[in-house]
Protein backbone atom coordinates (compact mmCIF):
# COMPACT_ATOMS: atom_id res chain seq x y z
CA MET A 1 96.97 -96.65 -152.74
CA PHE A 2 99.10 -99.75 -153.31
CA GLY A 3 100.68 -98.29 -156.42
CA ALA A 4 101.00 -94.69 -155.17
CA VAL A 5 104.79 -94.74 -155.18
CA SER A 6 107.48 -92.58 -156.69
CA PRO A 7 107.68 -93.16 -160.46
CA ALA A 8 110.53 -95.38 -161.61
CA LYS A 9 112.90 -94.35 -164.39
CA ARG A 10 113.21 -97.94 -165.64
CA VAL A 11 109.96 -99.88 -166.20
CA THR A 12 109.04 -103.25 -167.72
CA VAL A 13 105.43 -104.07 -168.59
CA ARG A 14 104.54 -107.71 -169.26
CA TRP A 15 101.33 -108.50 -171.15
CA ASP A 16 99.41 -111.68 -171.68
CA LEU A 17 97.88 -111.80 -175.16
CA ASP A 18 94.70 -113.89 -175.26
CA LYS A 19 91.75 -112.27 -173.45
CA THR A 20 94.04 -109.51 -172.16
CA TYR A 21 95.09 -107.85 -175.41
CA LEU A 22 93.10 -109.85 -177.96
CA HIS A 23 89.50 -111.05 -177.87
CA THR A 24 90.50 -114.66 -178.53
CA GLU A 25 87.56 -117.10 -178.54
CA PHE A 26 88.93 -120.31 -177.07
CA ASP A 27 85.90 -120.93 -174.85
CA SER A 28 84.13 -122.86 -177.63
CA PHE A 29 85.22 -125.53 -180.11
CA ARG A 30 84.20 -123.30 -183.02
CA GLY A 31 86.34 -120.47 -181.68
CA LEU A 32 89.33 -122.76 -181.16
CA ALA A 33 89.01 -124.23 -184.65
CA ARG A 34 88.92 -120.77 -186.22
CA ILE A 35 92.07 -119.40 -184.53
CA PRO A 36 94.69 -120.99 -186.88
CA PHE A 37 92.92 -119.57 -189.94
CA GLU A 38 92.46 -115.99 -188.73
CA SER A 39 94.36 -113.16 -190.37
CA ALA A 40 95.70 -110.10 -188.60
CA GLN A 41 92.59 -108.23 -189.77
CA ASP A 42 90.40 -110.84 -188.05
CA LYS A 43 92.03 -110.30 -184.68
CA VAL A 44 90.13 -107.91 -182.39
CA SER A 45 91.85 -105.91 -179.65
CA ALA A 46 90.18 -105.28 -176.30
CA PRO A 47 88.67 -101.76 -176.14
CA GLY A 48 91.28 -99.16 -175.27
CA VAL A 49 94.22 -101.54 -174.87
CA ALA A 50 96.16 -100.44 -177.96
CA ALA A 51 95.74 -96.77 -177.07
CA LEU A 52 96.95 -97.56 -173.55
CA ILE A 53 100.15 -99.31 -174.66
CA ARG A 54 100.89 -96.59 -177.21
CA GLY A 55 100.35 -94.07 -174.42
CA LEU A 56 102.81 -95.85 -172.14
CA ARG A 57 105.46 -95.65 -174.86
CA ALA A 58 104.73 -91.98 -175.64
CA THR A 59 104.76 -90.99 -171.96
CA ALA A 60 108.03 -92.84 -171.41
CA ARG A 61 109.64 -90.83 -174.19
CA ARG A 62 108.29 -87.53 -172.87
CA ARG A 63 109.39 -88.30 -169.30
CA ASP A 64 112.69 -89.99 -170.11
CA ILE A 65 111.60 -93.37 -168.75
CA THR A 66 113.31 -96.49 -170.07
CA LEU A 67 110.39 -98.74 -170.98
CA ARG A 68 110.28 -102.37 -172.09
CA VAL A 69 107.02 -103.83 -173.45
CA LEU A 70 106.99 -107.63 -173.46
CA PHE A 71 104.28 -110.11 -174.46
CA LEU A 72 103.90 -113.65 -173.12
CA SER A 73 101.53 -115.83 -175.09
CA ALA A 74 100.21 -119.35 -174.64
CA SER A 75 99.68 -119.48 -178.42
CA PRO A 76 102.05 -121.63 -180.52
CA PRO A 77 104.88 -120.02 -182.57
CA GLN A 78 102.97 -120.89 -185.75
CA LEU A 79 100.59 -118.00 -184.96
CA GLY A 80 103.47 -115.59 -184.42
CA LYS A 81 103.37 -113.99 -187.87
CA VAL A 82 99.68 -113.09 -187.60
CA ILE A 83 100.03 -111.75 -184.06
CA LEU A 84 103.06 -109.67 -184.98
CA GLU A 85 101.12 -108.24 -187.93
CA LYS A 86 98.22 -107.39 -185.61
CA LEU A 87 100.52 -105.58 -183.18
CA ALA A 88 102.00 -103.63 -186.08
CA MET A 89 98.50 -102.73 -187.31
CA ASP A 90 97.71 -101.37 -183.84
CA GLY A 91 100.90 -99.31 -183.79
CA ILE A 92 102.40 -101.28 -180.90
CA GLU A 93 106.17 -101.12 -180.46
CA HIS A 94 107.31 -104.06 -178.35
CA ASP A 95 110.60 -105.42 -177.09
CA GLY A 96 109.88 -109.12 -177.30
CA ILE A 97 107.21 -111.79 -177.48
CA THR A 98 107.34 -115.36 -176.22
CA PHE A 99 105.19 -118.14 -177.66
CA LYS A 100 104.51 -121.58 -176.19
CA ASP A 101 106.04 -124.34 -178.30
CA GLN A 102 103.17 -126.81 -178.23
CA TRP A 103 104.71 -129.10 -180.86
CA GLN A 104 107.83 -129.65 -178.77
CA ARG A 105 105.67 -130.76 -175.85
CA ILE A 106 103.77 -133.17 -178.10
CA ARG A 107 107.03 -134.68 -179.44
CA ARG A 108 108.20 -135.26 -175.86
CA GLY A 109 104.90 -136.92 -174.94
CA LYS A 110 103.95 -134.17 -172.50
CA PHE A 111 100.37 -133.83 -173.68
CA ARG A 112 99.19 -132.49 -170.35
CA ASP A 113 101.55 -129.51 -170.68
CA ILE A 114 99.63 -128.27 -173.72
CA ARG A 115 96.93 -126.80 -171.48
CA GLU A 116 99.09 -126.28 -168.37
CA GLN A 117 99.99 -122.61 -167.90
CA VAL A 118 101.39 -122.15 -164.38
CA GLY A 119 104.73 -123.84 -164.98
CA TYR A 120 105.12 -122.44 -168.50
CA LYS A 121 104.35 -118.81 -167.65
CA LEU A 122 106.20 -118.79 -164.34
CA THR A 123 109.43 -120.17 -165.80
CA GLU A 124 109.31 -117.69 -168.68
CA LEU A 125 108.70 -114.78 -166.30
CA LEU A 126 111.57 -115.88 -164.05
CA ARG A 127 113.87 -116.47 -167.02
CA ASP A 128 113.51 -112.88 -168.17
CA GLY A 129 113.18 -111.44 -164.67
CA ARG A 130 116.69 -112.66 -163.80
CA ASN A 131 118.04 -110.24 -166.40
CA GLU A 132 116.24 -107.15 -165.11
CA LYS A 133 118.45 -104.39 -163.77
CA SER A 134 118.17 -103.33 -160.15
CA GLY A 135 115.61 -100.59 -159.65
CA THR A 136 113.35 -101.72 -162.50
CA ALA A 137 109.65 -101.47 -161.69
CA GLU A 138 107.42 -104.13 -163.24
CA TYR A 139 103.74 -104.02 -164.13
CA LEU A 140 102.00 -107.24 -165.12
CA PHE A 141 98.81 -107.57 -167.20
CA GLY A 142 96.64 -110.67 -167.40
CA ASP A 143 93.02 -111.80 -167.32
CA ASP A 144 90.57 -113.93 -165.36
CA TRP A 145 90.43 -116.85 -167.81
CA GLU A 146 93.43 -118.78 -166.58
CA SER A 147 95.64 -118.58 -163.48
CA ASP A 148 97.22 -115.18 -164.11
CA PRO A 149 96.55 -113.73 -160.62
CA LEU A 150 98.25 -116.74 -159.02
CA ILE A 151 101.12 -116.98 -161.53
CA TYR A 152 101.91 -113.27 -161.38
CA SER A 153 101.69 -113.19 -157.58
CA LEU A 154 104.09 -116.14 -157.31
CA TYR A 155 106.53 -114.34 -159.61
CA ALA A 156 106.18 -111.07 -157.69
CA ASP A 157 106.80 -112.72 -154.32
CA VAL A 158 109.79 -114.72 -155.59
CA VAL A 159 111.32 -111.51 -156.94
CA ALA A 160 110.55 -109.69 -153.69
CA GLY A 161 112.20 -112.45 -151.68
CA SER A 162 109.03 -113.21 -149.67
CA LEU A 163 108.58 -116.70 -151.18
CA ASP A 164 111.59 -118.97 -150.89
CA ARG A 165 112.41 -121.91 -153.12
CA ALA A 166 111.20 -124.56 -150.66
CA ALA A 167 107.80 -122.91 -150.42
CA LEU A 168 107.68 -122.44 -154.19
CA ARG A 169 108.52 -126.11 -154.77
CA SER A 170 105.73 -127.20 -152.42
CA LEU A 171 103.21 -124.95 -154.14
CA LEU A 172 104.15 -126.12 -157.62
CA THR A 173 103.86 -129.74 -156.50
CA ARG A 174 100.37 -129.11 -155.14
CA LEU A 175 99.47 -127.37 -158.40
CA SER A 176 100.59 -130.52 -160.29
CA VAL A 177 103.13 -128.60 -162.33
CA ASP A 178 105.37 -130.80 -164.49
CA ARG A 179 108.41 -131.88 -162.45
CA GLU A 180 110.92 -130.55 -164.97
CA LEU A 181 109.20 -127.16 -165.11
CA ALA A 182 108.90 -127.02 -161.32
CA ALA A 183 112.60 -127.79 -160.93
CA LEU A 184 113.50 -125.18 -163.53
CA ALA A 185 111.31 -122.57 -161.80
CA CYS A 186 113.05 -123.23 -158.48
CA GLU A 187 116.46 -123.03 -160.15
CA LEU A 188 115.56 -119.73 -161.84
CA ALA A 189 114.22 -118.38 -158.53
CA ALA A 190 117.73 -118.36 -157.05
CA ASN A 191 119.44 -114.98 -156.76
CA ILE A 192 116.65 -113.04 -158.45
CA GLN A 193 115.60 -110.86 -155.53
CA ARG A 194 114.75 -107.21 -156.33
CA GLU A 195 112.67 -105.81 -153.47
CA GLY A 196 109.38 -104.20 -154.51
CA ALA A 197 109.96 -104.79 -158.22
CA VAL A 198 106.37 -105.70 -159.15
CA ARG A 199 104.30 -102.60 -158.46
CA ARG A 200 100.89 -103.75 -159.74
CA ILE A 201 99.21 -106.77 -161.32
CA PHE A 202 96.27 -105.79 -163.53
CA ILE A 203 93.68 -108.46 -164.25
CA ASN A 204 91.24 -107.79 -167.08
CA LEU A 205 87.79 -109.28 -166.39
CA PRO A 206 86.25 -110.55 -169.66
CA ARG A 207 84.53 -113.31 -167.66
CA ARG A 208 83.27 -110.81 -165.06
CA SER A 209 84.63 -112.99 -162.26
CA PRO A 210 83.38 -112.05 -158.76
CA LEU A 211 85.68 -109.49 -157.17
CA ARG A 212 85.84 -111.52 -153.95
CA ARG A 213 87.90 -114.08 -155.87
CA PHE A 214 90.81 -111.61 -155.95
CA ARG A 215 90.64 -110.43 -152.34
CA PRO A 216 93.23 -112.98 -151.05
CA TYR A 217 95.83 -111.53 -153.43
CA GLY A 218 95.81 -108.10 -151.78
CA LEU A 219 95.82 -104.63 -153.31
CA ARG A 220 98.77 -105.43 -155.57
CA VAL A 221 96.30 -107.30 -157.80
CA VAL A 222 93.95 -104.85 -159.51
CA PRO A 223 90.87 -106.40 -161.17
CA THR A 224 89.60 -104.03 -163.87
CA PHE A 225 86.38 -104.03 -165.86
CA ASN A 226 87.86 -101.87 -168.64
CA TYR A 227 91.10 -100.20 -169.68
CA LEU A 228 89.95 -96.80 -168.43
CA GLN A 229 90.39 -98.17 -164.90
CA THR A 230 93.83 -99.51 -165.76
CA ALA A 231 94.82 -96.21 -167.36
CA ALA A 232 93.66 -94.23 -164.31
CA CYS A 233 95.89 -96.29 -161.99
CA LEU A 234 98.87 -95.95 -164.35
CA TYR A 235 98.25 -92.18 -164.52
CA GLU A 236 98.43 -91.97 -160.73
CA ASP A 237 101.64 -94.03 -160.79
CA GLY A 238 103.20 -91.58 -163.25
CA LEU A 239 103.44 -93.99 -166.19
CA LEU A 240 100.75 -92.22 -168.23
CA ASP A 241 100.58 -88.45 -168.63
CA PHE A 242 97.23 -86.77 -169.16
CA THR A 243 97.69 -86.60 -172.93
CA ALA A 244 98.07 -90.38 -173.06
CA PHE A 245 95.24 -90.94 -170.58
CA SER A 246 92.87 -88.75 -172.59
CA ASP A 247 93.80 -90.71 -175.75
CA VAL A 248 92.54 -93.89 -174.03
CA VAL A 249 89.31 -92.12 -173.05
CA ALA A 250 88.84 -90.74 -176.58
CA ASP A 251 89.33 -94.22 -178.05
CA LEU A 252 86.76 -95.72 -175.67
CA ARG A 253 84.26 -92.95 -176.44
CA THR A 254 84.60 -92.81 -180.21
CA ALA A 255 85.55 -96.35 -181.23
CA HIS A 256 83.74 -98.32 -178.55
CA ALA A 257 80.72 -96.15 -177.63
CA TYR A 258 81.55 -95.67 -173.96
CA GLY A 259 79.15 -93.07 -172.56
CA ALA A 260 80.08 -90.31 -170.11
CA VAL A 261 78.23 -91.93 -167.20
CA ARG A 262 80.00 -95.25 -167.77
CA LEU A 263 83.37 -93.50 -167.74
CA VAL A 264 82.64 -91.67 -164.49
CA ASN A 265 81.23 -94.79 -162.86
CA SER A 266 84.39 -96.69 -163.85
CA LEU A 267 86.59 -94.07 -162.20
CA ARG A 268 84.51 -94.13 -159.03
CA ASP A 269 84.44 -97.93 -158.93
CA ILE A 270 88.22 -98.30 -159.08
CA GLU A 271 88.56 -95.53 -156.46
CA ARG A 272 85.97 -97.15 -154.17
CA ARG A 273 87.89 -100.44 -154.29
CA GLY A 274 91.06 -98.73 -153.05
CA HIS A 275 93.19 -98.81 -156.21
CA LEU A 276 92.86 -95.11 -157.10
CA SER A 277 92.83 -92.19 -154.66
CA ARG A 278 89.71 -90.06 -154.29
CA ALA A 279 91.77 -87.01 -155.24
CA GLY A 280 93.03 -88.82 -158.34
CA ALA A 281 89.53 -89.76 -159.49
CA SER A 282 88.25 -86.21 -158.97
CA GLU A 283 91.26 -84.70 -160.76
CA LEU A 284 90.82 -86.94 -163.78
CA ALA A 285 87.08 -86.24 -164.02
CA SER A 286 87.69 -82.48 -163.85
CA ARG A 287 90.50 -82.55 -166.41
CA LEU A 288 88.44 -84.66 -168.79
CA HIS A 289 85.65 -82.09 -168.54
CA ARG A 290 88.02 -79.21 -169.25
CA SER A 291 89.31 -81.16 -172.25
CA GLY A 292 85.81 -81.62 -173.64
CA LEU A 293 85.78 -85.40 -173.08
CA LEU A 294 83.19 -85.33 -170.27
CA PRO A 295 80.07 -83.15 -170.15
CA GLU A 296 79.28 -81.01 -167.11
CA TYR A 297 76.43 -83.25 -165.94
CA ALA A 298 78.82 -86.20 -165.65
CA VAL A 299 81.27 -84.17 -163.56
CA ARG A 300 78.42 -82.96 -161.32
CA ARG A 301 77.36 -86.57 -160.85
CA SER A 302 80.95 -87.42 -159.95
CA ARG A 303 81.06 -84.63 -157.37
CA MET A 304 77.77 -85.75 -155.83
CA ARG A 305 79.14 -89.27 -155.53
CA ASP A 306 82.20 -87.79 -153.81
CA VAL A 307 80.04 -85.90 -151.29
CA TRP A 308 77.91 -88.99 -150.65
CA ALA A 309 81.02 -91.14 -150.15
CA ARG A 310 82.41 -88.70 -147.56
CA PHE A 311 79.03 -88.62 -145.80
CA ARG A 312 78.85 -92.42 -145.59
CA ALA A 313 82.45 -92.57 -144.36
CA ALA A 314 81.56 -90.12 -141.57
CA LEU A 315 78.55 -92.25 -140.59
CA ARG A 316 80.75 -95.33 -140.44
CA ARG A 317 83.24 -93.56 -138.20
CA GLN A 318 80.39 -92.66 -135.86
CA GLY A 319 79.07 -96.22 -135.86
CA VAL A 320 75.79 -95.35 -137.59
CA LEU A 321 76.71 -97.59 -140.54
CA SER A 322 78.71 -100.79 -140.38
CA GLN A 323 82.30 -100.53 -141.51
CA ALA A 324 82.92 -101.41 -145.14
CA MET A 325 85.05 -104.50 -145.57
CA PRO A 326 88.53 -103.29 -146.60
CA ALA A 327 90.41 -104.77 -149.48
CA GLN A 328 92.90 -107.40 -148.38
CA GLY A 329 96.40 -106.05 -147.99
CA GLY A 330 99.74 -107.54 -147.00
CA GLY A 331 101.13 -110.86 -148.13
CA VAL A 332 99.33 -113.52 -150.14
CA ASP A 333 97.97 -116.47 -148.16
CA TYR A 334 99.06 -119.23 -150.51
CA LYS A 335 97.99 -121.85 -147.96
CA ALA A 336 94.39 -120.74 -148.49
CA LEU A 337 94.75 -120.42 -152.26
CA VAL A 338 96.47 -123.79 -152.69
CA PRO A 339 95.16 -126.11 -149.91
CA ASP A 340 97.50 -128.64 -148.34
CA ALA A 341 100.52 -126.84 -149.73
CA GLY A 342 102.67 -128.08 -146.88
CA GLU A 343 104.38 -126.71 -143.80
CA GLU A 344 107.12 -125.04 -145.86
CA ILE A 345 104.74 -122.14 -146.64
CA GLN A 346 104.68 -119.82 -143.64
């Protein structure tokens, strides 16, 4: 598993807000027009996300992990009060939130920057990332509505030292990032290297984007259909204990009507795609049954799927079935993701 590493004692989690934490409707004019007039009570959290973040904080306290929870929003500061009230309503303790100052961009005549996210998010990530202490593990959370997989991967590779400033500059030029923001990003990228800092990049899939879209990013990027899958990966990485994990499951079952079969299928799906070990999926299913959160028939179904998966794997080894296509690992091929990015990107 990409994230199956020794748990860190210092962790920073960075969350996007719209479509990752909140069900923000900016895909229609009516939804956009309604946003400025919504109260905290009108804001709707994604199923399980609040329980997950509360669980991260509770687990950190129980395991003596230093945890920072940060939010990065493309919403203007004028919405800050409502969003802060919503986070408080959900019981979310956070260590900072950054809003995009749209009015400043309008005053400077940079109208294109209002919708541009790559330069904005990347510079903000790098600005804070420069202040992280050595040994801090980072987990990033975004969605499939904007360019979060690309932005987060760029940040992760800059921090890891596998993407130098010349290559970054070429990429940002090809992405038509504002020159000032591109220059600032390259400046911030200097002397930031912390090898292996970004452990995982979770991408929530409200648009149900095809999974093949994320293959070029490697196993570091984890597309998830629900926050049970995210929680299972974080459990295996040691950032959620079982008490916190079961709280996410209970929230999905009681508040969002997730059935037992859907829960088991979610575990098996994230395991099949290589982000959760088979042993981890089986352990979680068994523990959920013993805790009364999964009925026996669901666990039996899980075990049968396990047996069938081992049988198919044996057939593949013997050449009876064709080999399953593995998830892409290794470095990110930015040349393929951003065509004509230049010879600087090796």
